[in-house]
Amino acid sequence: MTVPNSRPQQKRADTEKAALAAWKRAGNAGPLPEFYVYAKPGYYSNTFAPAGNNRGVYDDAIFVVSPNTYSTFNSNTDPSIFRKKIATLKPGVNKYKRGNHGISRPGGGYPAFRPATKNEELPVTRDGVDVPWPGIAINIHRGGVNTTSSEGCQTIPPAQWDAFYALVDSEMKRAGVKEFHYILDEA
């Protein structure tokens, strides 16, 4: 699987500036929440061929930001493959909560973050077109070793997943919240 040689090196001030711009583009007034997760598609757009935001590689970046921490992770914000009607989460701000991914599997899946919205619905495009029907359960979960393991979900490489999950879970507890804002920027 294609993962960059390093985690994103973006400075906190640059992340906060980009997250605030994305926050406002999504129609939010006022300052950013104290704790949020920000994702930048195509962060490594010149690392993999072809240049740009690609599917099937961890070429995106995700940042955990709070008064207590600033941490960066490699990520994937695109479906792994091209398939008719596959969902791609639209840039914007959505709330997420603790849950499991793969809940229909024996044992109920594994820890992940799930949409904290009615029926877990989120705005998506399908085949690059805005559609009236939503994406359901576009989760944030552990990706795969040989694939990003995404049918629309946001994924983190397996070697970084445990640290990402533990940090977000810890910051949720520290902030006393059951949900957090996930800010997905434009590519």
Protein backbone atom coordinates (compact mmCIF):
# COMPACT_ATOMS: atom_id res chain seq x y z
CA MET A 1 0.00 0.00 0.00
CA THR A 2 1.22 3.45 -0.78
CA VAL A 3 1.80 5.58 2.31
CA PRO A 4 4.10 8.63 2.30
CA ASN A 5 7.45 8.26 4.02
CA SER A 6 6.48 10.76 6.70
CA ARG A 7 3.45 12.16 8.43
CA PRO A 8 2.23 15.59 7.31
CA GLN A 9 4.65 18.34 8.36
CA GLN A 10 2.24 21.29 8.22
CA LYS A 11 2.62 23.79 11.05
CA ARG A 12 -0.25 24.23 13.49
CA ALA A 13 -0.82 27.88 12.51
CA ASP A 14 -1.19 26.88 8.86
CA THR A 15 -3.65 24.11 9.75
CA GLU A 16 -5.71 26.47 11.92
CA LYS A 17 -5.83 29.05 9.11
CA ALA A 18 -6.90 26.46 6.51
CA ALA A 19 -9.45 24.88 8.89
CA LEU A 20 -10.97 28.28 9.67
CA ALA A 21 -11.34 29.06 5.96
CA ALA A 22 -13.03 25.68 5.36
CA TRP A 23 -15.22 26.24 8.45
CA LYS A 24 -16.42 29.56 7.06
CA ARG A 25 -16.90 28.20 3.51
CA ALA A 26 -19.24 25.65 5.09
CA GLY A 27 -21.38 28.52 6.38
CA ASN A 28 -20.24 28.61 9.99
CA ALA A 29 -19.88 31.93 11.76
CA GLY A 30 -17.59 32.58 14.65
CA PRO A 31 -14.42 30.82 15.70
CA LEU A 32 -13.47 27.19 15.28
CA PRO A 33 -14.42 24.83 18.09
CA GLU A 34 -11.61 24.25 20.58
CA PHE A 35 -11.34 20.60 19.52
CA TYR A 36 -11.78 19.44 15.93
CA VAL A 37 -10.40 17.09 13.28
CA TYR A 38 -9.40 18.68 9.97
CA ALA A 39 -8.66 16.78 6.74
CA LYS A 40 -6.91 18.05 3.63
CA PRO A 41 -7.43 15.94 0.49
CA GLY A 42 -4.44 15.85 -1.85
CA TYR A 43 -1.94 17.00 0.78
CA TYR A 44 0.66 14.79 -0.91
CA SER A 45 -0.63 15.63 -4.41
CA ASN A 46 2.87 15.71 -5.91
CA THR A 47 4.13 12.56 -4.17
CA PHE A 48 2.29 9.91 -6.15
CA ALA A 49 1.70 9.57 -9.87
CA PRO A 50 -0.34 10.95 -11.38
CA ALA A 51 -0.15 14.31 -9.61
CA GLY A 52 -3.32 15.32 -7.82
CA ASN A 53 -5.66 13.80 -5.28
CA ASN A 54 -5.70 10.08 -6.10
CA ARG A 55 -7.78 7.10 -5.09
CA GLY A 56 -6.28 4.02 -3.50
CA VAL A 57 -3.35 5.76 -1.78
CA TYR A 58 -2.94 7.56 1.52
CA ASP A 59 -2.20 10.92 -0.15
CA ASP A 60 -4.38 13.01 2.16
CA ALA A 61 -3.67 14.46 5.61
CA ILE A 62 -5.70 14.55 8.79
CA PHE A 63 -4.99 16.77 11.79
CA VAL A 64 -6.22 16.52 15.38
CA VAL A 65 -6.36 19.99 16.93
CA SER A 66 -7.23 20.99 20.50
CA PRO A 67 -5.79 23.27 23.18
CA ASN A 68 -3.84 20.22 24.42
CA THR A 69 -2.59 18.66 21.21
CA TYR A 70 -1.70 19.07 17.59
CA SER A 71 -1.03 15.82 15.80
CA THR A 72 -0.85 14.83 12.14
CA PHE A 73 -1.66 11.57 10.36
CA ASN A 74 -1.66 10.25 6.83
CA SER A 75 -5.14 9.49 5.55
CA ASN A 76 -7.44 8.76 2.65
CA THR A 77 -10.60 10.80 2.06
CA ASP A 78 -11.65 9.16 -1.22
CA PRO A 79 -13.18 5.83 -2.16
CA SER A 80 -10.47 3.27 -2.95
CA ILE A 81 -11.91 2.50 -6.37
CA PHE A 82 -14.07 3.88 -9.13
CA ARG A 83 -17.41 2.12 -9.17
CA LYS A 84 -20.76 3.33 -10.42
CA LYS A 85 -22.64 5.29 -7.76
CA ILE A 86 -19.91 5.01 -5.10
CA ALA A 87 -20.20 7.85 -2.57
CA THR A 88 -17.58 10.55 -2.01
CA LEU A 89 -18.04 12.78 1.03
CA LYS A 90 -18.48 16.43 0.05
CA PRO A 91 -16.18 19.03 1.58
CA GLY A 92 -17.74 20.67 4.61
CA VAL A 93 -18.26 20.24 8.33
CA ASN A 94 -19.92 17.21 9.88
CA LYS A 95 -20.18 15.87 13.40
CA TYR A 96 -18.84 12.44 14.32
CA LYS A 97 -19.16 10.21 17.39
CA ARG A 98 -17.64 6.99 18.69
CA GLY A 99 -19.02 3.80 17.21
CA ASN A 100 -17.95 0.74 15.26
CA HIS A 101 -17.17 0.12 11.62
CA GLY A 102 -18.40 -3.10 10.06
CA ILE A 103 -21.32 -3.43 12.45
CA SER A 104 -22.91 -6.15 10.32
CA ARG A 105 -19.86 -8.41 10.81
CA PRO A 106 -19.77 -11.10 13.48
CA GLY A 107 -18.76 -9.40 16.70
CA GLY A 108 -20.12 -6.03 15.59
CA GLY A 109 -17.01 -4.64 13.88
CA TYR A 110 -14.21 -2.59 15.40
CA PRO A 111 -13.88 0.87 16.97
CA ALA A 112 -14.32 3.77 14.56
CA PHE A 113 -16.03 7.14 14.35
CA ARG A 114 -19.51 7.33 12.82
CA PRO A 115 -21.62 10.28 11.64
CA ALA A 116 -23.51 11.95 14.49
CA THR A 117 -26.39 12.87 12.19
CA LYS A 118 -29.94 11.66 11.71
CA ASN A 119 -29.75 8.16 10.21
CA GLU A 120 -25.97 8.71 9.85
CA GLU A 121 -26.61 10.55 6.58
CA LEU A 122 -24.00 12.86 5.07
CA PRO A 123 -23.83 14.93 1.86
CA VAL A 124 -22.04 13.11 -0.95
CA THR A 125 -21.43 13.12 -4.65
CA ARG A 126 -21.79 9.99 -6.76
CA ASP A 127 -19.81 9.72 -9.98
CA GLY A 128 -18.81 13.36 -9.37
CA VAL A 129 -22.42 14.56 -9.36
CA ASP A 130 -24.37 16.04 -6.44
CA VAL A 131 -27.25 13.70 -5.70
CA PRO A 132 -30.46 13.99 -3.69
CA TRP A 133 -29.82 10.76 -1.77
CA PRO A 134 -27.23 10.90 1.03
CA GLY A 135 -24.26 8.80 1.90
CA ILE A 136 -25.00 6.52 4.81
CA ALA A 137 -22.38 5.82 7.50
CA ILE A 138 -19.39 7.47 5.83
CA ASN A 139 -17.19 6.47 8.77
CA ILE A 140 -13.66 7.34 9.84
CA HIS A 141 -11.91 4.00 10.33
CA ARG A 142 -8.74 1.96 10.02
CA GLY A 143 -7.69 1.43 6.43
CA GLY A 144 -6.00 -1.59 4.97
CA VAL A 145 -2.42 -2.58 4.28
CA ASN A 146 -2.95 -3.44 0.60
CA THR A 147 -5.81 -1.01 -0.02
CA THR A 148 -7.21 2.10 1.63
CA SER A 149 -10.33 -0.01 2.36
CA SER A 150 -12.78 2.75 1.52
CA GLU A 151 -16.17 2.60 -0.14
CA GLY A 152 -16.57 6.28 0.68
CA CYS A 153 -15.22 6.28 4.24
CA GLN A 154 -12.31 8.32 5.52
CA THR A 155 -9.44 5.95 6.41
CA ILE A 156 -6.15 6.03 8.32
CA PRO A 157 -3.24 3.63 7.59
CA PRO A 158 -3.24 0.64 9.98
CA ALA A 159 0.14 1.59 11.50
CA GLN A 160 -1.30 4.99 12.54
CA TRP A 161 -4.91 4.03 13.33
CA ASP A 162 -4.52 3.06 17.00
CA ALA A 163 -2.72 6.32 17.82
CA PHE A 164 -5.30 8.37 15.90
CA TYR A 165 -8.26 6.65 17.56
CA ALA A 166 -6.74 6.89 21.05
CA LEU A 167 -5.91 10.58 20.61
CA VAL A 168 -9.37 11.57 19.32
CA ASP A 169 -11.04 9.47 22.03
CA SER A 170 -8.82 11.05 24.70
CA GLU A 171 -9.49 14.59 23.47
CA MET A 172 -13.25 13.92 23.39
CA LYS A 173 -13.08 12.79 27.02
CA ARG A 174 -10.88 15.74 28.01
CA ALA A 175 -13.29 18.18 26.33
CA GLY A 176 -16.31 16.39 27.83
CA VAL A 177 -17.97 15.91 24.44
CA LYS A 178 -19.68 12.96 22.79
CA GLU A 179 -19.27 14.39 19.27
CA PHE A 180 -16.57 16.32 17.41
CA HIS A 181 -16.48 18.47 14.29
CA TYR A 182 -14.83 16.89 11.26
CA ILE A 183 -13.80 19.54 8.75
CA LEU A 184 -13.15 18.11 5.29
CA ASP A 185 -11.49 20.72 3.09
CA GLU A 186 -11.53 20.93 -0.69
CA ALA A 187 -8.81 19.18 -2.67
